[in-house]
Amino acid sequence: DPLTFMDVLLNVYTTAKMDDLDPRAKELLT
């Protein structure tokens, strides 16, 4: 686990549709 949460951050700014967000990102936004 070298870069904790950095992949989630990258996901929310590169994913165009809400349904395609990383499940961990959805958890933080739910």
ModelCIF file with pLDDT and N, C-alpha, C, O atoms, coordinates in Angstrom:
data_MODEL
#
_entry.id   MODEL 
#
_entity.id                         1 
_entity.type                       polymer 
_entity.pdbx_number_of_molecules   1 
#
_entity_poly.entity_id                      1 
_entity_poly.type                           'polypeptide(L)' 
_entity_poly.nstd_linkage                   no 
_entity_poly.nstd_monomer                   no 
_entity_poly.pdbx_seq_one_letter_code       DPLTFMDVLLNVYTTAKMDDLDPRAKELLT 
_entity_poly.pdbx_seq_one_letter_code_can   DPLTFMDVLLNVYTTAKMDDLDPRAKELLT 
_entity_poly.pdbx_strand_id                 A 
#
loop_
_entity_poly_seq.entity_id 
_entity_poly_seq.num 
_entity_poly_seq.mon_id 
_entity_poly_seq.hetero 
1 1  ASP n 
1 2  PRO n 
1 3  LEU n 
1 4  THR n 
1 5  PHE n 
1 6  MET n 
1 7  ASP n 
1 8  VAL n 
1 9  LEU n 
1 10 LEU n 
1 11 ASN n 
1 12 VAL n 
1 13 TYR n 
1 14 THR n 
1 15 THR n 
1 16 ALA n 
1 17 LYS n 
1 18 MET n 
1 19 ASP n 
1 20 ASP n 
1 21 LEU n 
1 22 ASP n 
1 23 PRO n 
1 24 ARG n 
1 25 ALA n 
1 26 LYS n 
1 27 GLU n 
1 28 LEU n 
1 29 LEU n 
1 30 THR n 
#
_struct_asym.id          A 
_struct_asym.entity_id   1 
#
loop_
_ma_qa_metric.id 
_ma_qa_metric.mode 
_ma_qa_metric.name 
_ma_qa_metric.software_group_id 
_ma_qa_metric.type 
1 global pLDDT . pLDDT 
2 local  pLDDT . pLDDT 
#
_ma_qa_metric_global.metric_id      1 
_ma_qa_metric_global.metric_value   93.13 
_ma_qa_metric_global.model_id       1 
_ma_qa_metric_global.ordinal_id     1 
#
loop_
_ma_qa_metric_local.label_asym_id 
_ma_qa_metric_local.label_comp_id 
_ma_qa_metric_local.label_seq_id 
_ma_qa_metric_local.metric_id 
_ma_qa_metric_local.metric_value 
_ma_qa_metric_local.model_id 
_ma_qa_metric_local.ordinal_id 
A ASP 1  2 94.00 1 1  
A PRO 2  2 95.00 1 2  
A LEU 3  2 95.00 1 3  
A THR 4  2 95.00 1 4  
A PHE 5  2 93.00 1 5  
A MET 6  2 94.00 1 6  
A ASP 7  2 93.00 1 7  
A VAL 8  2 93.00 1 8  
A LEU 9  2 92.00 1 9  
A LEU 10 2 93.00 1 10 
A ASN 11 2 94.00 1 11 
A VAL 12 2 94.00 1 12 
A TYR 13 2 93.00 1 13 
A THR 14 2 94.00 1 14 
A THR 15 2 95.00 1 15 
A ALA 16 2 95.00 1 16 
A LYS 17 2 95.00 1 17 
A MET 18 2 94.00 1 18 
A ASP 19 2 93.00 1 19 
A ASP 20 2 95.00 1 20 
A LEU 21 2 95.00 1 21 
A ASP 22 2 94.00 1 22 
A PRO 23 2 93.00 1 23 
A ARG 24 2 91.00 1 24 
A ALA 25 2 91.00 1 25 
A LYS 26 2 92.00 1 26 
A GLU 27 2 90.00 1 27 
A LEU 28 2 87.00 1 28 
A LEU 29 2 90.00 1 29 
A THR 30 2 92.00 1 30 
#
loop_
_atom_site.group_PDB 
_atom_site.id 
_atom_site.type_symbol 
_atom_site.label_atom_id 
_atom_site.label_alt_id 
_atom_site.label_comp_id 
_atom_site.label_asym_id 
_atom_site.label_entity_id 
_atom_site.label_seq_id 
_atom_site.pdbx_PDB_ins_code 
_atom_site.Cartn_x 
_atom_site.Cartn_y 
_atom_site.Cartn_z 
_atom_site.occupancy 
_atom_site.B_iso_or_equiv 
_atom_site.pdbx_formal_charge 
_atom_site.auth_seq_id 
_atom_site.auth_comp_id 
_atom_site.auth_asym_id 
_atom_site.auth_atom_id 
_atom_site.pdbx_PDB_model_num 
ATOM 1   N N  . ASP A 1 1  ? 0.849   -1.198 0.000   1.00 94.00 ? 1  ASP A N  1 
ATOM 2   C CA . ASP A 1 1  ? 0.000   0.000  0.000   1.00 94.00 ? 1  ASP A CA 1 
ATOM 3   C C  . ASP A 1 1  ? 0.883   1.246  0.000   1.00 94.00 ? 1  ASP A C  1 
ATOM 4   O O  . ASP A 1 1  ? 0.961   1.943  1.012   1.00 94.00 ? 1  ASP A O  1 
ATOM 5   N N  . PRO A 1 2  ? 1.556   1.540  -1.130  1.00 95.00 ? 2  PRO A N  1 
ATOM 6   C CA . PRO A 1 2  ? 2.517   2.649  -1.139  1.00 95.00 ? 2  PRO A CA 1 
ATOM 7   C C  . PRO A 1 2  ? 1.878   4.028  -1.196  1.00 95.00 ? 2  PRO A C  1 
ATOM 8   O O  . PRO A 1 2  ? 2.453   4.990  -0.687  1.00 95.00 ? 2  PRO A O  1 
ATOM 9   N N  . LEU A 1 3  ? 0.698   4.147  -1.806  1.00 95.00 ? 3  LEU A N  1 
ATOM 10  C CA . LEU A 1 3  ? 0.101   5.467  -2.044  1.00 95.00 ? 3  LEU A CA 1 
ATOM 11  C C  . LEU A 1 3  ? -1.360  5.455  -1.626  1.00 95.00 ? 3  LEU A C  1 
ATOM 12  O O  . LEU A 1 3  ? -2.257  5.535  -2.464  1.00 95.00 ? 3  LEU A O  1 
ATOM 13  N N  . THR A 1 4  ? -1.590  5.353  -0.322  1.00 95.00 ? 4  THR A N  1 
ATOM 14  C CA . THR A 1 4  ? -2.943  5.240  0.206   1.00 95.00 ? 4  THR A CA 1 
ATOM 15  C C  . THR A 1 4  ? -3.833  6.389  -0.258  1.00 95.00 ? 4  THR A C  1 
ATOM 16  O O  . THR A 1 4  ? -3.465  7.557  -0.132  1.00 95.00 ? 4  THR A O  1 
ATOM 17  N N  . PHE A 1 5  ? -5.002  6.052  -0.795  1.00 93.00 ? 5  PHE A N  1 
ATOM 18  C CA . PHE A 1 5  ? -6.050  6.982  -1.221  1.00 93.00 ? 5  PHE A CA 1 
ATOM 19  C C  . PHE A 1 5  ? -5.690  7.810  -2.456  1.00 93.00 ? 5  PHE A C  1 
ATOM 20  O O  . PHE A 1 5  ? -6.556  8.508  -2.983  1.00 93.00 ? 5  PHE A O  1 
ATOM 21  N N  . MET A 1 6  ? -4.468  7.759  -2.927  1.00 94.00 ? 6  MET A N  1 
ATOM 22  C CA . MET A 1 6  ? -4.112  8.525  -4.119  1.00 94.00 ? 6  MET A CA 1 
ATOM 23  C C  . MET A 1 6  ? -4.839  7.987  -5.351  1.00 94.00 ? 6  MET A C  1 
ATOM 24  O O  . MET A 1 6  ? -5.195  8.754  -6.245  1.00 94.00 ? 6  MET A O  1 
ATOM 25  N N  . ASP A 1 7  ? -5.061  6.664  -5.402  1.00 93.00 ? 7  ASP A N  1 
ATOM 26  C CA . ASP A 1 7  ? -5.788  6.102  -6.532  1.00 93.00 ? 7  ASP A CA 1 
ATOM 27  C C  . ASP A 1 7  ? -7.249  6.536  -6.522  1.00 93.00 ? 7  ASP A C  1 
ATOM 28  O O  . ASP A 1 7  ? -7.857  6.708  -7.578  1.00 93.00 ? 7  ASP A O  1 
ATOM 29  N N  . VAL A 1 8  ? -7.815  6.713  -5.323  1.00 93.00 ? 8  VAL A N  1 
ATOM 30  C CA . VAL A 1 8  ? -9.198  7.200  -5.228  1.00 93.00 ? 8  VAL A CA 1 
ATOM 31  C C  . VAL A 1 8  ? -9.275  8.638  -5.728  1.00 93.00 ? 8  VAL A C  1 
ATOM 32  O O  . VAL A 1 8  ? -10.200 8.999  -6.455  1.00 93.00 ? 8  VAL A O  1 
ATOM 33  N N  . LEU A 1 9  ? -8.312  9.447  -5.340  1.00 92.00 ? 9  LEU A N  1 
ATOM 34  C CA . LEU A 1 9  ? -8.276  10.839 -5.792  1.00 92.00 ? 9  LEU A CA 1 
ATOM 35  C C  . LEU A 1 9  ? -8.174  10.909 -7.312  1.00 92.00 ? 9  LEU A C  1 
ATOM 36  O O  . LEU A 1 9  ? -8.879  11.693 -7.948  1.00 92.00 ? 9  LEU A O  1 
ATOM 37  N N  . LEU A 1 10 ? -7.302  10.097 -7.889  1.00 93.00 ? 10 LEU A N  1 
ATOM 38  C CA . LEU A 1 10 ? -7.159  10.071 -9.337  1.00 93.00 ? 10 LEU A CA 1 
ATOM 39  C C  . LEU A 1 10 ? -8.453  9.630  -10.005 1.00 93.00 ? 10 LEU A C  1 
ATOM 40  O O  . LEU A 1 10 ? -8.826  10.153 -11.055 1.00 93.00 ? 10 LEU A O  1 
ATOM 41  N N  . ASN A 1 11 ? -9.133  8.672  -9.398  1.00 94.00 ? 11 ASN A N  1 
ATOM 42  C CA . ASN A 1 11 ? -10.365 8.145  -9.975  1.00 94.00 ? 11 ASN A CA 1 
ATOM 43  C C  . ASN A 1 11 ? -11.454 9.201  -10.078 1.00 94.00 ? 11 ASN A C  1 
ATOM 44  O O  . ASN A 1 11 ? -12.133 9.284  -11.101 1.00 94.00 ? 11 ASN A O  1 
ATOM 45  N N  . VAL A 1 12 ? -11.636 10.018 -9.031  1.00 94.00 ? 12 VAL A N  1 
ATOM 46  C CA . VAL A 1 12 ? -12.754 10.974 -9.041  1.00 94.00 ? 12 VAL A CA 1 
ATOM 47  C C  . VAL A 1 12 ? -12.533 12.106 -10.041 1.00 94.00 ? 12 VAL A C  1 
ATOM 48  O O  . VAL A 1 12 ? -13.478 12.798 -10.420 1.00 94.00 ? 12 VAL A O  1 
ATOM 49  N N  . TYR A 1 13 ? -11.270 12.294 -10.473 1.00 93.00 ? 13 TYR A N  1 
ATOM 50  C CA . TYR A 1 13 ? -11.013 13.352 -11.451 1.00 93.00 ? 13 TYR A CA 1 
ATOM 51  C C  . TYR A 1 13 ? -10.766 12.826 -12.863 1.00 93.00 ? 13 TYR A C  1 
ATOM 52  O O  . TYR A 1 13 ? -10.450 13.599 -13.767 1.00 93.00 ? 13 TYR A O  1 
ATOM 53  N N  . THR A 1 14 ? -10.906 11.531 -13.052 1.00 94.00 ? 14 THR A N  1 
ATOM 54  C CA . THR A 1 14 ? -10.735 10.973 -14.401 1.00 94.00 ? 14 THR A CA 1 
ATOM 55  C C  . THR A 1 14 ? -11.952 10.169 -14.847 1.00 94.00 ? 14 THR A C  1 
ATOM 56  O O  . THR A 1 14 ? -11.988 9.678  -15.975 1.00 94.00 ? 14 THR A O  1 
ATOM 57  N N  . THR A 1 15 ? -12.947 10.031 -13.977 1.00 95.00 ? 15 THR A N  1 
ATOM 58  C CA . THR A 1 15 ? -14.143 9.245  -14.293 1.00 95.00 ? 15 THR A CA 1 
ATOM 59  C C  . THR A 1 15 ? -15.288 10.175 -14.651 1.00 95.00 ? 15 THR A C  1 
ATOM 60  O O  . THR A 1 15 ? -15.651 11.053 -13.868 1.00 95.00 ? 15 THR A O  1 
ATOM 61  N N  . ALA A 1 16 ? -15.854 9.984  -15.827 1.00 95.00 ? 16 ALA A N  1 
ATOM 62  C CA . ALA A 1 16 ? -16.861 10.915 -16.337 1.00 95.00 ? 16 ALA A CA 1 
ATOM 63  C C  . ALA A 1 16 ? -18.260 10.645 -15.795 1.00 95.00 ? 16 ALA A C  1 
ATOM 64  O O  . ALA A 1 16 ? -19.069 11.567 -15.699 1.00 95.00 ? 16 ALA A O  1 
ATOM 65  N N  . LYS A 1 17 ? -18.557 9.395  -15.438 1.00 95.00 ? 17 LYS A N  1 
ATOM 66  C CA . LYS A 1 17 ? -19.915 9.054  -15.014 1.00 95.00 ? 17 LYS A CA 1 
ATOM 67  C C  . LYS A 1 17 ? -19.935 8.656  -13.547 1.00 95.00 ? 17 LYS A C  1 
ATOM 68  O O  . LYS A 1 17 ? -19.036 7.965  -13.068 1.00 95.00 ? 17 LYS A O  1 
ATOM 69  N N  . MET A 1 18 ? -20.968 9.098  -12.840 1.00 94.00 ? 18 MET A N  1 
ATOM 70  C CA . MET A 1 18 ? -21.085 8.805  -11.423 1.00 94.00 ? 18 MET A CA 1 
ATOM 71  C C  . MET A 1 18 ? -21.118 7.304  -11.169 1.00 94.00 ? 18 MET A C  1 
ATOM 72  O O  . MET A 1 18 ? -20.528 6.830  -10.198 1.00 94.00 ? 18 MET A O  1 
ATOM 73  N N  . ASP A 1 19 ? -21.794 6.557  -12.021 1.00 93.00 ? 19 ASP A N  1 
ATOM 74  C CA . ASP A 1 19 ? -21.918 5.114  -11.826 1.00 93.00 ? 19 ASP A CA 1 
ATOM 75  C C  . ASP A 1 19 ? -20.583 4.390  -11.962 1.00 93.00 ? 19 ASP A C  1 
ATOM 76  O O  . ASP A 1 19 ? -20.437 3.272  -11.467 1.00 93.00 ? 19 ASP A O  1 
ATOM 77  N N  . ASP A 1 20 ? -19.614 5.007  -12.621 1.00 95.00 ? 20 ASP A N  1 
ATOM 78  C CA . ASP A 1 20 ? -18.321 4.353  -12.857 1.00 95.00 ? 20 ASP A CA 1 
ATOM 79  C C  . ASP A 1 20 ? -17.267 4.692  -11.811 1.00 95.00 ? 20 ASP A C  1 
ATOM 80  O O  . ASP A 1 20 ? -16.122 4.256  -11.927 1.00 95.00 ? 20 ASP A O  1 
ATOM 81  N N  . LEU A 1 21 ? -17.637 5.464  -10.792 1.00 95.00 ? 21 LEU A N  1 
ATOM 82  C CA . LEU A 1 21 ? -16.674 5.815  -9.754  1.00 95.00 ? 21 LEU A CA 1 
ATOM 83  C C  . LEU A 1 21 ? -16.199 4.576  -9.005  1.00 95.00 ? 21 LEU A C  1 
ATOM 84  O O  . LEU A 1 21 ? -16.937 3.600  -8.868  1.00 95.00 ? 21 LEU A O  1 
ATOM 85  N N  . ASP A 1 22 ? -14.961 4.626  -8.522  1.00 94.00 ? 22 ASP A N  1 
ATOM 86  C CA . ASP A 1 22 ? -14.417 3.583  -7.667  1.00 94.00 ? 22 ASP A CA 1 
ATOM 87  C C  . ASP A 1 22 ? -15.340 3.403  -6.452  1.00 94.00 ? 22 ASP A C  1 
ATOM 88  O O  . ASP A 1 22 ? -15.775 4.392  -5.862  1.00 94.00 ? 22 ASP A O  1 
ATOM 89  N N  . PRO A 1 23 ? -15.643 2.150  -6.072  1.00 93.00 ? 23 PRO A N  1 
ATOM 90  C CA . PRO A 1 23 ? -16.537 1.934  -4.913  1.00 93.00 ? 23 PRO A CA 1 
ATOM 91  C C  . PRO A 1 23 ? -16.071 2.656  -3.650  1.00 93.00 ? 23 PRO A C  1 
ATOM 92  O O  . PRO A 1 23 ? -16.896 3.100  -2.853  1.00 93.00 ? 23 PRO A O  1 
ATOM 93  N N  . ARG A 1 24 ? -14.742 2.778  -3.460  1.00 91.00 ? 24 ARG A N  1 
ATOM 94  C CA . ARG A 1 24 ? -14.253 3.488  -2.271  1.00 91.00 ? 24 ARG A CA 1 
ATOM 95  C C  . ARG A 1 24 ? -14.572 4.967  -2.347  1.00 91.00 ? 24 ARG A C  1 
ATOM 96  O O  . ARG A 1 24 ? -14.839 5.592  -1.320  1.00 91.00 ? 24 ARG A O  1 
ATOM 97  N N  . ALA A 1 25 ? -14.551 5.544  -3.551  1.00 91.00 ? 25 ALA A N  1 
ATOM 98  C CA . ALA A 1 25 ? -14.933 6.944  -3.715  1.00 91.00 ? 25 ALA A CA 1 
ATOM 99  C C  . ALA A 1 25 ? -16.417 7.122  -3.414  1.00 91.00 ? 25 ALA A C  1 
ATOM 100 O O  . ALA A 1 25 ? -16.813 8.093  -2.769  1.00 91.00 ? 25 ALA A O  1 
ATOM 101 N N  . LYS A 1 26 ? -17.231 6.185  -3.882  1.00 92.00 ? 26 LYS A N  1 
ATOM 102 C CA . LYS A 1 26 ? -18.668 6.269  -3.613  1.00 92.00 ? 26 LYS A CA 1 
ATOM 103 C C  . LYS A 1 26 ? -18.947 6.193  -2.119  1.00 92.00 ? 26 LYS A C  1 
ATOM 104 O O  . LYS A 1 26 ? -19.840 6.871  -1.612  1.00 92.00 ? 26 LYS A O  1 
ATOM 105 N N  . GLU A 1 27 ? -18.169 5.352  -1.408  1.00 90.00 ? 27 GLU A N  1 
ATOM 106 C CA . GLU A 1 27 ? -18.360 5.256  0.042   1.00 90.00 ? 27 GLU A CA 1 
ATOM 107 C C  . GLU A 1 27 ? -18.133 6.595  0.725   1.00 90.00 ? 27 GLU A C  1 
ATOM 108 O O  . GLU A 1 27 ? -18.893 6.985  1.611   1.00 90.00 ? 27 GLU A O  1 
ATOM 109 N N  . LEU A 1 28 ? -17.085 7.297  0.309   1.00 87.00 ? 28 LEU A N  1 
ATOM 110 C CA . LEU A 1 28 ? -16.770 8.576  0.939   1.00 87.00 ? 28 LEU A CA 1 
ATOM 111 C C  . LEU A 1 28 ? -17.804 9.640  0.605   1.00 87.00 ? 28 LEU A C  1 
ATOM 112 O O  . LEU A 1 28 ? -17.976 10.596 1.361   1.00 87.00 ? 28 LEU A O  1 
ATOM 113 N N  . LEU A 1 29 ? -18.493 9.482  -0.521  1.00 90.00 ? 29 LEU A N  1 
ATOM 114 C CA . LEU A 1 29 ? -19.460 10.482 -0.966  1.00 90.00 ? 29 LEU A CA 1 
ATOM 115 C C  . LEU A 1 29 ? -20.892 10.075 -0.677  1.00 90.00 ? 29 LEU A C  1 
ATOM 116 O O  . LEU A 1 29 ? -21.828 10.729 -1.136  1.00 90.00 ? 29 LEU A O  1 
ATOM 117 N N  . THR A 1 30 ? -21.073 8.984  0.091   1.00 92.00 ? 30 THR A N  1 
ATOM 118 C CA . THR A 1 30 ? -22.408 8.503  0.444   1.00 92.00 ? 30 THR A CA 1 
ATOM 119 C C  . THR A 1 30 ? -22.610 8.669  1.945   1.00 92.00 ? 30 THR A C  1 
ATOM 120 O O  . THR A 1 30 ? -23.671 8.326  2.466   1.00 92.00 ? 30 THR A O  1 
#
